[in-house]
N, C-alpha and C. Protein backbone atom coordinates (compact mmCIF):
# COMPACT_ATOMS: atom_id res chain seq x y z
N MET A 1 102.77 113.52 105.59
CA MET A 1 103.17 113.16 104.18
C MET A 1 103.05 111.65 104.03
N ASN A 2 102.37 111.32 102.93
CA ASN A 2 102.15 109.96 102.51
C ASN A 2 103.38 109.36 101.81
N LYS A 3 103.65 108.08 102.02
CA LYS A 3 104.71 107.36 101.29
C LYS A 3 104.01 106.24 100.54
N TYR A 4 104.31 106.13 99.29
CA TYR A 4 103.68 105.23 98.34
C TYR A 4 104.56 104.13 97.91
N ILE A 5 104.01 102.93 97.65
CA ILE A 5 104.65 101.93 96.90
C ILE A 5 104.06 101.99 95.49
N MET A 6 104.86 102.11 94.47
CA MET A 6 104.42 102.13 93.09
C MET A 6 104.55 100.76 92.48
N VAL A 7 103.43 100.19 92.09
CA VAL A 7 103.46 98.85 91.49
C VAL A 7 103.23 99.01 89.97
N ILE A 8 104.15 98.61 89.17
CA ILE A 8 104.07 98.82 87.68
C ILE A 8 104.11 97.50 86.99
N ASP A 9 102.99 97.16 86.40
CA ASP A 9 102.86 95.92 85.64
C ASP A 9 101.65 96.03 84.66
N ASP A 10 101.84 95.49 83.49
CA ASP A 10 100.69 95.58 82.57
C ASP A 10 99.57 94.56 82.87
N SER A 11 99.86 93.63 83.79
CA SER A 11 98.83 92.64 84.19
C SER A 11 98.13 93.06 85.42
N PRO A 12 96.83 93.37 85.36
CA PRO A 12 96.00 93.71 86.54
C PRO A 12 96.07 92.72 87.65
N THR A 13 96.15 91.44 87.22
CA THR A 13 96.26 90.33 88.21
C THR A 13 97.48 90.41 89.02
N ILE A 14 98.61 90.65 88.40
CA ILE A 14 99.89 90.79 89.13
C ILE A 14 99.90 92.03 90.03
N ARG A 15 99.32 93.16 89.49
CA ARG A 15 99.28 94.37 90.37
C ARG A 15 98.51 94.12 91.61
N VAL A 16 97.34 93.45 91.51
CA VAL A 16 96.54 93.14 92.62
C VAL A 16 97.24 92.17 93.56
N SER A 17 97.88 91.15 93.06
CA SER A 17 98.64 90.16 93.89
C SER A 17 99.74 90.94 94.69
N VAL A 18 100.49 91.78 94.00
CA VAL A 18 101.52 92.48 94.68
C VAL A 18 100.95 93.38 95.77
N GLU A 19 99.87 94.06 95.49
CA GLU A 19 99.20 94.99 96.48
C GLU A 19 98.79 94.15 97.68
N MET A 20 98.15 92.99 97.40
CA MET A 20 97.71 92.13 98.55
C MET A 20 98.89 91.67 99.41
N ALA A 21 99.96 91.34 98.74
CA ALA A 21 101.16 90.85 99.52
C ALA A 21 101.77 91.94 100.35
N LEU A 22 101.64 93.25 99.92
CA LEU A 22 102.37 94.36 100.59
C LEU A 22 101.50 95.19 101.47
N LYS A 23 100.17 94.95 101.46
CA LYS A 23 99.23 95.72 102.27
C LYS A 23 99.64 95.86 103.75
N GLN A 24 100.15 94.76 104.26
CA GLN A 24 100.47 94.79 105.67
C GLN A 24 101.61 95.76 106.04
N LEU A 25 102.35 96.29 105.12
CA LEU A 25 103.40 97.26 105.42
C LEU A 25 102.83 98.57 105.88
N GLY A 26 101.57 98.82 105.56
CA GLY A 26 100.96 100.08 106.06
C GLY A 26 101.22 101.25 105.16
N LEU A 27 101.76 101.04 103.96
CA LEU A 27 102.04 102.17 103.07
C LEU A 27 100.88 102.17 102.00
N SER A 28 100.71 103.37 101.49
CA SER A 28 99.68 103.51 100.36
C SER A 28 100.29 102.85 99.14
N ILE A 29 99.49 102.28 98.32
CA ILE A 29 99.95 101.62 97.07
C ILE A 29 99.21 102.27 95.90
N LYS A 30 100.03 102.64 94.89
CA LYS A 30 99.53 103.14 93.61
C LYS A 30 99.91 102.14 92.56
N GLN A 31 99.04 101.95 91.59
CA GLN A 31 99.23 101.00 90.50
C GLN A 31 99.43 101.76 89.20
N ALA A 32 100.32 101.22 88.36
CA ALA A 32 100.44 101.82 87.02
C ALA A 32 100.57 100.62 86.02
N GLU A 33 100.13 100.84 84.78
CA GLU A 33 100.10 99.75 83.85
C GLU A 33 101.24 99.71 82.87
N ASN A 34 102.13 100.71 82.90
CA ASN A 34 103.36 100.73 82.20
C ASN A 34 104.28 101.81 82.74
N GLY A 35 105.47 101.88 82.22
CA GLY A 35 106.44 102.80 82.71
C GLY A 35 106.01 104.30 82.57
N GLN A 36 105.38 104.61 81.47
CA GLN A 36 104.94 106.02 81.21
C GLN A 36 103.88 106.39 82.24
N ASP A 37 102.93 105.46 82.39
CA ASP A 37 101.79 105.72 83.40
C ASP A 37 102.40 105.86 84.79
N ALA A 38 103.42 105.14 85.09
CA ALA A 38 104.12 105.21 86.44
C ALA A 38 104.73 106.57 86.63
N LEU A 39 105.46 106.99 85.62
CA LEU A 39 106.17 108.33 85.69
C LEU A 39 105.17 109.43 85.85
N ASP A 40 104.03 109.36 85.12
CA ASP A 40 102.97 110.37 85.28
C ASP A 40 102.45 110.43 86.66
N LYS A 41 102.18 109.18 87.27
CA LYS A 41 101.56 109.15 88.64
C LYS A 41 102.63 109.54 89.68
N ILE A 42 103.89 109.23 89.42
CA ILE A 42 104.92 109.60 90.36
C ILE A 42 105.04 111.10 90.41
N SER A 43 104.96 111.79 89.23
CA SER A 43 104.97 113.22 89.19
C SER A 43 103.91 113.90 90.01
N GLN A 44 102.67 113.28 89.84
CA GLN A 44 101.51 113.70 90.57
C GLN A 44 101.68 113.58 92.11
N ILE A 45 102.15 112.37 92.48
CA ILE A 45 102.37 112.11 93.90
C ILE A 45 103.39 113.15 94.53
N LYS A 46 104.47 113.38 93.78
CA LYS A 46 105.45 114.33 94.32
C LYS A 46 104.95 115.75 94.33
N ALA A 47 104.06 116.10 93.33
CA ALA A 47 103.49 117.47 93.28
C ALA A 47 102.58 117.62 94.47
N GLU A 48 101.99 116.59 94.97
CA GLU A 48 101.09 116.66 96.14
C GLU A 48 101.91 116.69 97.45
N GLY A 49 103.17 116.61 97.36
CA GLY A 49 104.05 116.70 98.54
C GLY A 49 104.30 115.33 99.20
N SER A 50 103.90 114.22 98.51
CA SER A 50 104.15 112.89 99.07
C SER A 50 105.43 112.28 98.43
N GLU A 51 105.75 111.08 98.89
CA GLU A 51 106.94 110.47 98.39
C GLU A 51 106.74 109.01 97.94
N ILE A 52 107.63 108.56 97.08
CA ILE A 52 107.64 107.21 96.68
C ILE A 52 108.61 106.40 97.52
N ALA A 53 108.16 105.39 98.25
CA ALA A 53 109.08 104.61 99.15
C ALA A 53 109.89 103.58 98.28
N ILE A 54 109.19 103.01 97.34
CA ILE A 54 109.80 101.98 96.48
C ILE A 54 108.97 101.80 95.22
N CYS A 55 109.57 101.45 94.07
CA CYS A 55 108.90 101.02 92.92
C CYS A 55 109.07 99.53 92.67
N ILE A 56 108.07 98.88 92.26
CA ILE A 56 108.16 97.48 91.88
C ILE A 56 107.73 97.37 90.46
N SER A 57 108.64 97.01 89.52
CA SER A 57 108.31 97.16 88.12
C SER A 57 108.55 95.85 87.37
N ASP A 58 107.61 95.51 86.45
CA ASP A 58 107.79 94.46 85.48
C ASP A 58 108.77 95.02 84.44
N ILE A 59 109.27 94.08 83.53
CA ILE A 59 110.13 94.60 82.41
C ILE A 59 109.33 94.64 81.19
N ASN A 60 108.63 93.55 80.82
CA ASN A 60 107.93 93.51 79.57
C ASN A 60 106.50 94.14 79.63
N MET A 61 106.44 95.45 79.16
CA MET A 61 105.19 96.14 79.15
C MET A 61 105.08 96.94 77.87
N PRO A 62 103.86 97.23 77.42
CA PRO A 62 103.76 98.16 76.31
C PRO A 62 103.99 99.59 76.64
N VAL A 63 104.04 100.45 75.67
CA VAL A 63 104.21 101.97 75.83
C VAL A 63 105.67 102.25 76.33
N MET A 64 106.05 101.88 77.56
CA MET A 64 107.35 102.06 78.13
C MET A 64 107.65 100.83 79.00
N ASN A 65 108.72 100.09 78.61
CA ASN A 65 109.04 98.93 79.37
C ASN A 65 109.78 99.24 80.70
N GLY A 66 110.06 98.23 81.43
CA GLY A 66 110.67 98.44 82.75
C GLY A 66 112.08 99.02 82.73
N ILE A 67 112.88 98.58 81.75
CA ILE A 67 114.27 99.12 81.63
C ILE A 67 114.18 100.65 81.34
N GLU A 68 113.39 100.99 80.36
CA GLU A 68 113.18 102.39 79.97
C GLU A 68 112.59 103.19 81.15
N PHE A 69 111.68 102.60 81.91
CA PHE A 69 111.10 103.26 83.11
C PHE A 69 112.19 103.56 84.11
N ILE A 70 113.03 102.56 84.37
CA ILE A 70 114.11 102.76 85.42
C ILE A 70 115.03 103.86 84.98
N ALA A 71 115.47 103.77 83.71
CA ALA A 71 116.43 104.80 83.19
C ALA A 71 115.83 106.21 83.35
N GLU A 72 114.52 106.34 82.96
CA GLU A 72 113.88 107.72 83.05
C GLU A 72 113.67 108.13 84.55
N PHE A 73 113.25 107.19 85.32
CA PHE A 73 113.03 107.45 86.74
C PHE A 73 114.31 107.88 87.45
N ARG A 74 115.43 107.27 87.11
CA ARG A 74 116.74 107.59 87.65
C ARG A 74 117.21 109.00 87.32
N LYS A 75 116.68 109.56 86.23
CA LYS A 75 117.06 111.01 85.86
C LYS A 75 116.46 111.97 86.87
N VAL A 76 115.33 111.57 87.50
CA VAL A 76 114.69 112.53 88.48
C VAL A 76 114.81 112.01 89.94
N ASP A 77 115.19 110.76 90.14
CA ASP A 77 115.30 110.16 91.44
C ASP A 77 116.42 109.12 91.50
N LYS A 78 117.51 109.49 92.08
CA LYS A 78 118.64 108.54 92.11
C LYS A 78 118.58 107.57 93.27
N PHE A 79 117.77 107.85 94.26
CA PHE A 79 117.84 107.01 95.47
C PHE A 79 116.71 106.00 95.76
N THR A 80 115.50 106.35 95.35
CA THR A 80 114.33 105.46 95.67
C THR A 80 114.62 104.11 95.03
N PRO A 81 114.49 103.02 95.82
CA PRO A 81 114.71 101.67 95.28
C PRO A 81 113.72 101.30 94.21
N VAL A 82 114.18 100.61 93.21
CA VAL A 82 113.38 100.04 92.11
C VAL A 82 113.63 98.48 92.09
N VAL A 83 112.64 97.74 92.49
CA VAL A 83 112.78 96.24 92.42
C VAL A 83 112.07 95.79 91.20
N VAL A 84 112.76 95.03 90.42
CA VAL A 84 112.19 94.42 89.22
C VAL A 84 111.43 93.13 89.60
N LEU A 85 110.22 92.95 89.15
CA LEU A 85 109.46 91.72 89.34
C LEU A 85 109.05 91.19 88.00
N THR A 86 109.68 90.19 87.45
CA THR A 86 109.56 89.79 86.07
C THR A 86 109.75 88.31 85.88
N THR A 87 109.38 87.85 84.67
CA THR A 87 109.70 86.45 84.26
C THR A 87 111.10 86.40 83.65
N GLU A 88 111.70 87.54 83.42
CA GLU A 88 112.98 87.57 82.71
C GLU A 88 114.06 87.18 83.66
N ALA A 89 114.84 86.12 83.36
CA ALA A 89 115.89 85.65 84.14
C ALA A 89 117.26 85.59 83.38
N GLU A 90 117.24 86.07 82.19
CA GLU A 90 118.49 86.07 81.41
C GLU A 90 119.47 87.10 81.94
N LYS A 91 120.69 86.62 82.00
CA LYS A 91 121.83 87.47 82.58
C LYS A 91 121.91 88.86 81.88
N ASP A 92 121.83 88.88 80.57
CA ASP A 92 121.95 90.15 79.80
C ASP A 92 120.82 91.10 80.12
N ILE A 93 119.59 90.58 80.33
CA ILE A 93 118.50 91.53 80.71
C ILE A 93 118.63 92.02 82.17
N ILE A 94 119.10 91.09 83.05
CA ILE A 94 119.33 91.54 84.42
C ILE A 94 120.48 92.63 84.47
N GLN A 95 121.49 92.39 83.63
CA GLN A 95 122.61 93.37 83.53
C GLN A 95 122.05 94.68 83.09
N LYS A 96 121.21 94.72 82.04
CA LYS A 96 120.67 95.92 81.52
C LYS A 96 119.86 96.68 82.58
N GLY A 97 119.13 95.85 83.35
CA GLY A 97 118.36 96.41 84.43
C GLY A 97 119.21 97.08 85.49
N LYS A 98 120.31 96.39 85.91
CA LYS A 98 121.23 96.93 86.90
C LYS A 98 121.92 98.21 86.40
N GLU A 99 122.30 98.19 85.06
CA GLU A 99 122.88 99.37 84.50
C GLU A 99 121.96 100.55 84.48
N ALA A 100 120.66 100.29 84.28
CA ALA A 100 119.64 101.36 84.26
C ALA A 100 119.42 101.88 85.72
N GLY A 101 119.66 101.05 86.68
CA GLY A 101 119.55 101.52 88.04
C GLY A 101 118.66 100.63 88.94
N ALA A 102 118.34 99.41 88.53
CA ALA A 102 117.51 98.54 89.33
C ALA A 102 118.28 98.20 90.64
N SER A 103 117.52 98.21 91.71
CA SER A 103 118.06 97.89 93.05
C SER A 103 118.01 96.37 93.38
N GLY A 104 117.03 95.66 92.75
CA GLY A 104 116.83 94.24 93.08
C GLY A 104 116.05 93.61 92.00
N TRP A 105 116.06 92.26 92.02
CA TRP A 105 115.40 91.50 90.90
C TRP A 105 114.67 90.31 91.52
N ILE A 106 113.41 90.14 91.26
CA ILE A 106 112.63 89.00 91.71
C ILE A 106 112.00 88.32 90.46
N ILE A 107 112.14 87.02 90.37
CA ILE A 107 111.61 86.30 89.26
C ILE A 107 110.18 85.81 89.58
N LYS A 108 109.23 85.99 88.56
CA LYS A 108 107.83 85.46 88.68
C LYS A 108 107.92 84.02 88.36
N PRO A 109 107.03 83.21 88.86
CA PRO A 109 106.05 83.55 89.95
C PRO A 109 106.75 83.73 91.24
N PHE A 110 106.18 84.64 92.03
CA PHE A 110 106.84 85.00 93.27
C PHE A 110 106.00 84.50 94.48
N GLN A 111 106.68 84.33 95.56
CA GLN A 111 105.99 84.04 96.87
C GLN A 111 105.75 85.38 97.57
N ALA A 112 104.58 85.55 98.05
CA ALA A 112 104.26 86.82 98.76
C ALA A 112 105.29 87.15 99.85
N GLU A 113 105.66 86.12 100.65
CA GLU A 113 106.61 86.38 101.75
C GLU A 113 107.98 86.82 101.24
N ASP A 114 108.41 86.27 100.10
CA ASP A 114 109.74 86.66 99.51
C ASP A 114 109.66 88.16 99.11
N LEU A 115 108.63 88.51 98.43
CA LEU A 115 108.39 89.89 98.00
C LEU A 115 108.46 90.85 99.16
N LEU A 116 107.69 90.47 100.22
CA LEU A 116 107.58 91.25 101.43
C LEU A 116 108.93 91.42 102.05
N ASN A 117 109.69 90.35 102.16
CA ASN A 117 111.08 90.45 102.78
C ASN A 117 111.99 91.37 101.94
N VAL A 118 111.93 91.31 100.63
CA VAL A 118 112.72 92.19 99.83
C VAL A 118 112.39 93.65 100.00
N VAL A 119 111.11 93.90 99.98
CA VAL A 119 110.59 95.28 100.14
C VAL A 119 111.00 95.78 101.54
N LYS A 120 110.85 94.94 102.61
CA LYS A 120 111.23 95.41 103.91
C LYS A 120 112.71 95.76 104.02
N ARG A 121 113.54 95.04 103.29
CA ARG A 121 114.98 95.42 103.22
C ARG A 121 115.24 96.76 102.70
N PHE A 122 114.44 97.21 101.75
CA PHE A 122 114.65 98.52 101.09
C PHE A 122 113.95 99.61 101.81
N VAL A 123 112.74 99.34 102.31
CA VAL A 123 111.88 100.38 102.95
C VAL A 123 112.04 100.37 104.46
N LYS A 124 112.55 101.42 104.93
CA LYS A 124 112.71 101.53 106.45
C LYS A 124 111.56 102.28 107.08
C-alpha cells in the first residue's frame, strides 16, 4: 500500500518547492491546485487502496480554499494531519484553521528544513 503526501496550493511553484523539500521522506507526493481538486484526488487514492499520510494546504485558493478543504476533509478523515502552509499569519484566520481541524501552521516563505521537520513530527 502506498502512502501519499497531498500538497494543495494554487501556485505550481510552491507545489514543486514543497515536493522538492519532502522528496527525501520516500513517500509518494500528489499535487492539487485547490481544495476540491485535493478532495477528488484523495477519494481516488483511497479507492485504489492507498492512504494519505499528511496534507499540506494553502489557505487562499480559488474554487475551494484551505479552511473549506480542511472542514470537508475532516468529515471523512478525522485523524490524518493537515498542515497549513500560507502567508496568512492573522490570529483569527489561524483560529478558523484550528477550528476546522488544522494540525499545524507554517508561514510562507518557508525553509525546506523547517517544513521537513514539521512533516516528520506528524508522519511516522
